[in-house]
Amino acid sequence: MGGLFHKLRHPLRCYVVCAIPRCGSNLLTDGLHATRRAGVPKQFFLAKFESRYGADHGLDPVSDYAAYVHGIVQAKTTSNEVFGFKLMSWYLDDFLLRLRGAHVFGDAGTGDLELLQNAFPRLRFVHVVRRHKLRQALSTARALQTGLWNRPRINRPMSERGRTTRRALAKLFFAGRGRPVPGRIRKTMRRL
């Protein structure tokens, strides 16, 4: 799928998941990835991960950061022209400095929002927060002490992982509204 006509009808859309640790952003981004229609939202622009993602796609973030950004956007965009990524608050300033240093997306006088919009077309923001701040603080403390930030992934086919994620997202959707899951959806969830 591609070509000029496709690009005109379906221009690239980008979104960024803005989060802080232990807020549930991994659940959200895993669910978005499982849809296969919302990009592959990962932390592509965290400095310690850039060399790995760059090596996977033949890009060098150190020598040409603008080419790295463009290459990641191109490599991780889904067939419907959606690109997503995740940014944590603690490395946002460092990421903006690297974007400015590329001298392609803006200079020292360019505002942060304009800089991000220049790098990522039609950018939308998704802000993830956790309602229970005390639980988030305890979870962060536990993760810092143990070094375990995520549960180990179970090696299952992607379709099976996607079903599990869809089921969990449906439960969260209805539980967050204080309502039981409707019967027809519960039956569908059992089939998944």
Protein backbone atom coordinates (compact mmCIF):
# COMPACT_ATOMS: atom_id res chain seq x y z
CA MET A 1 0.00 0.00 0.00
CA GLY A 2 1.41 3.38 -0.85
CA GLY A 3 1.88 5.73 -3.71
CA LEU A 4 1.11 9.38 -4.19
CA PHE A 5 -2.68 9.01 -4.21
CA HIS A 6 -2.61 7.06 -0.95
CA LYS A 7 -0.39 9.71 0.66
CA LEU A 8 -2.76 12.49 -0.43
CA ARG A 9 -5.85 10.72 0.90
CA HIS A 10 -4.19 9.51 4.10
CA PRO A 11 -1.61 12.04 5.29
CA LEU A 12 0.63 11.09 8.18
CA ARG A 13 -0.89 11.61 11.63
CA CYS A 14 1.22 11.52 14.76
CA TYR A 15 0.45 11.28 18.44
CA VAL A 16 2.54 11.29 21.59
CA VAL A 17 1.60 9.56 24.82
CA CYS A 18 2.79 11.91 27.59
CA ALA A 19 3.23 10.13 30.89
CA ILE A 20 5.10 9.72 34.12
CA PRO A 21 6.31 6.35 35.46
CA ARG A 22 3.74 3.87 36.78
CA CYS A 23 0.67 5.63 35.41
CA GLY A 24 -0.53 2.81 33.14
CA SER A 25 1.02 4.07 29.93
CA ASN A 26 2.41 0.63 29.06
CA LEU A 27 -1.08 -0.87 29.20
CA LEU A 28 -2.34 1.87 26.91
CA THR A 29 0.54 1.69 24.43
CA ASP A 30 0.44 -2.12 24.32
CA GLY A 31 -3.28 -1.91 23.58
CA LEU A 32 -2.75 0.66 20.85
CA HIS A 33 -0.02 -1.48 19.31
CA ALA A 34 -2.27 -4.56 19.44
CA THR A 35 -4.87 -2.81 17.28
CA ARG A 36 -2.31 -2.66 14.44
CA ARG A 37 -3.92 0.65 13.42
CA ALA A 38 -2.35 3.11 15.86
CA GLY A 39 1.36 2.91 15.27
CA VAL A 40 3.86 1.25 17.58
CA PRO A 41 4.05 3.71 20.48
CA LYS A 42 7.36 3.08 22.26
CA GLN A 43 10.02 5.29 23.82
CA PHE A 44 11.97 5.78 20.59
CA PHE A 45 13.47 9.06 21.79
CA LEU A 46 14.81 8.00 25.19
CA ALA A 47 18.57 8.43 24.81
CA LYS A 48 19.45 4.96 26.17
CA PHE A 49 17.10 3.26 23.67
CA GLU A 50 18.00 5.32 20.59
CA SER A 51 21.11 3.32 19.71
CA ARG A 52 19.14 0.05 19.77
CA TYR A 53 16.27 1.39 17.65
CA GLY A 54 18.79 3.07 15.35
CA ALA A 55 20.72 -0.18 14.87
CA ASP A 56 17.49 -2.06 14.14
CA HIS A 57 16.69 0.35 11.29
CA GLY A 58 20.15 1.31 10.05
CA LEU A 59 20.05 4.80 11.58
CA ASP A 60 22.64 6.69 13.61
CA PRO A 61 21.09 9.07 16.14
CA VAL A 62 24.48 10.46 17.16
CA SER A 63 25.69 11.64 13.75
CA ASP A 64 22.36 12.73 12.21
CA TYR A 65 19.48 13.12 14.67
CA ALA A 66 17.07 14.53 12.08
CA ALA A 67 17.58 11.45 9.89
CA TYR A 68 17.00 9.25 12.96
CA VAL A 69 13.69 11.00 13.74
CA HIS A 70 12.52 10.81 10.11
CA GLY A 71 13.66 7.17 9.84
CA ILE A 72 11.86 6.07 13.00
CA VAL A 73 8.68 7.85 11.91
CA GLN A 74 8.86 6.14 8.53
CA ALA A 75 9.71 2.69 9.95
CA LYS A 76 7.11 2.65 12.74
CA THR A 77 4.12 4.15 10.90
CA THR A 78 1.23 1.73 10.40
CA SER A 79 -0.37 1.16 7.00
CA ASN A 80 -3.07 3.75 7.74
CA GLU A 81 -0.35 6.42 8.20
CA VAL A 82 -0.40 6.69 12.01
CA PHE A 83 2.78 7.12 14.04
CA GLY A 84 2.82 7.10 17.82
CA PHE A 85 5.52 7.42 20.44
CA LYS A 86 5.80 7.79 24.18
CA LEU A 87 7.52 10.56 26.12
CA MET A 88 8.14 10.58 29.84
CA SER A 89 8.37 13.90 31.65
CA TRP A 90 11.85 13.27 33.01
CA TYR A 91 13.54 13.18 29.59
CA LEU A 92 11.38 15.66 27.68
CA ASP A 93 13.89 18.53 28.02
CA ASP A 94 16.76 16.36 26.79
CA PHE A 95 14.68 15.25 23.78
CA LEU A 96 13.78 18.86 22.90
CA LEU A 97 17.49 19.82 23.10
CA ARG A 98 18.38 17.06 20.65
CA LEU A 99 15.59 18.15 18.28
CA ARG A 100 16.84 21.75 18.40
CA GLY A 101 20.42 20.57 17.91
CA ALA A 102 19.43 18.91 14.64
CA HIS A 103 18.72 22.41 13.19
CA VAL A 104 16.04 20.95 10.92
CA PHE A 105 12.92 21.26 13.05
CA GLY A 106 13.70 24.65 14.57
CA ASP A 107 16.33 26.73 16.31
CA ALA A 108 16.83 28.29 19.75
CA GLY A 109 13.97 30.73 19.14
CA THR A 110 11.44 28.03 18.24
CA GLY A 111 8.90 27.20 20.96
CA ASP A 112 8.62 23.68 22.29
CA LEU A 113 5.18 23.02 20.80
CA GLU A 114 6.17 24.36 17.37
CA LEU A 115 9.37 22.29 17.47
CA LEU A 116 7.39 19.10 18.13
CA GLN A 117 4.83 19.97 15.43
CA ASN A 118 7.63 20.56 12.92
CA ALA A 119 9.12 17.15 13.68
CA PHE A 120 5.82 15.24 13.83
CA PRO A 121 3.05 16.25 11.38
CA ARG A 122 -0.52 16.66 12.67
CA LEU A 123 0.65 15.91 16.22
CA ARG A 124 -1.91 15.10 18.90
CA PHE A 125 -1.23 14.67 22.61
CA VAL A 126 -2.49 11.90 24.89
CA HIS A 127 -1.89 12.68 28.57
CA VAL A 128 -2.01 9.63 30.83
CA VAL A 129 -2.53 10.11 34.56
CA ARG A 130 -3.22 7.71 37.37
CA ARG A 131 -6.11 8.56 39.63
CA HIS A 132 -4.62 7.00 42.78
CA LYS A 133 -1.42 8.96 43.40
CA LEU A 134 -0.49 7.02 46.55
CA ARG A 135 -0.65 3.70 44.70
CA GLN A 136 1.44 5.23 41.92
CA ALA A 137 4.05 6.40 44.43
CA LEU A 138 4.18 2.97 46.08
CA SER A 139 4.45 1.27 42.71
CA THR A 140 7.29 3.62 41.71
CA ALA A 141 9.14 2.98 44.98
CA ARG A 142 8.77 -0.77 44.53
CA ALA A 143 10.01 -0.61 40.93
CA LEU A 144 13.01 1.52 41.95
CA GLN A 145 13.93 -0.93 44.71
CA THR A 146 13.51 -4.11 42.68
CA GLY A 147 14.48 -2.83 39.24
CA LEU A 148 11.35 -4.51 37.78
CA TRP A 149 9.37 -1.94 35.80
CA ASN A 150 7.32 -4.40 33.73
CA ARG A 151 6.20 -7.95 34.16
CA PRO A 152 8.07 -10.38 31.92
CA ARG A 153 6.34 -10.82 28.58
CA ILE A 154 4.82 -14.22 27.91
CA ASN A 155 5.87 -15.59 24.55
CA ARG A 156 2.51 -15.93 22.86
CA PRO A 157 1.48 -15.15 19.29
CA MET A 158 0.64 -11.48 18.72
CA SER A 159 -3.00 -12.27 17.95
CA GLU A 160 -3.38 -13.97 21.34
CA ARG A 161 -1.66 -11.07 23.15
CA GLY A 162 -3.94 -8.64 21.31
CA ARG A 163 -7.03 -10.53 22.47
CA THR A 164 -5.83 -10.43 26.08
CA THR A 165 -5.12 -6.71 25.83
CA ARG A 166 -8.51 -5.97 24.25
CA ARG A 167 -10.20 -7.95 27.02
CA ALA A 168 -8.28 -6.04 29.71
CA LEU A 169 -9.06 -2.69 28.07
CA ALA A 170 -12.78 -3.53 27.89
CA LYS A 171 -12.80 -4.47 31.58
CA LEU A 172 -11.01 -1.23 32.48
CA PHE A 173 -13.41 0.82 30.36
CA PHE A 174 -16.50 -0.50 32.09
CA ALA A 175 -14.99 -0.76 35.58
CA GLY A 176 -13.89 2.87 35.43
CA ARG A 177 -17.50 3.90 34.95
CA GLY A 178 -18.76 1.84 37.91
CA ARG A 179 -20.88 -0.37 35.65
CA PRO A 180 -20.73 -4.11 35.06
CA VAL A 181 -19.64 -5.27 31.64
CA PRO A 182 -22.79 -5.68 29.46
CA GLY A 183 -23.78 -9.29 28.74
CA ARG A 184 -23.22 -9.20 24.97
CA ILE A 185 -19.73 -7.74 25.45
CA ARG A 186 -18.96 -10.24 28.24
CA LYS A 187 -19.87 -13.09 25.82
CA THR A 188 -17.63 -11.60 23.15
CA MET A 189 -14.80 -11.22 25.68
CA ARG A 190 -15.10 -14.91 26.61
CA ARG A 191 -14.74 -15.84 22.93
CA LEU A 192 -11.58 -13.72 22.70
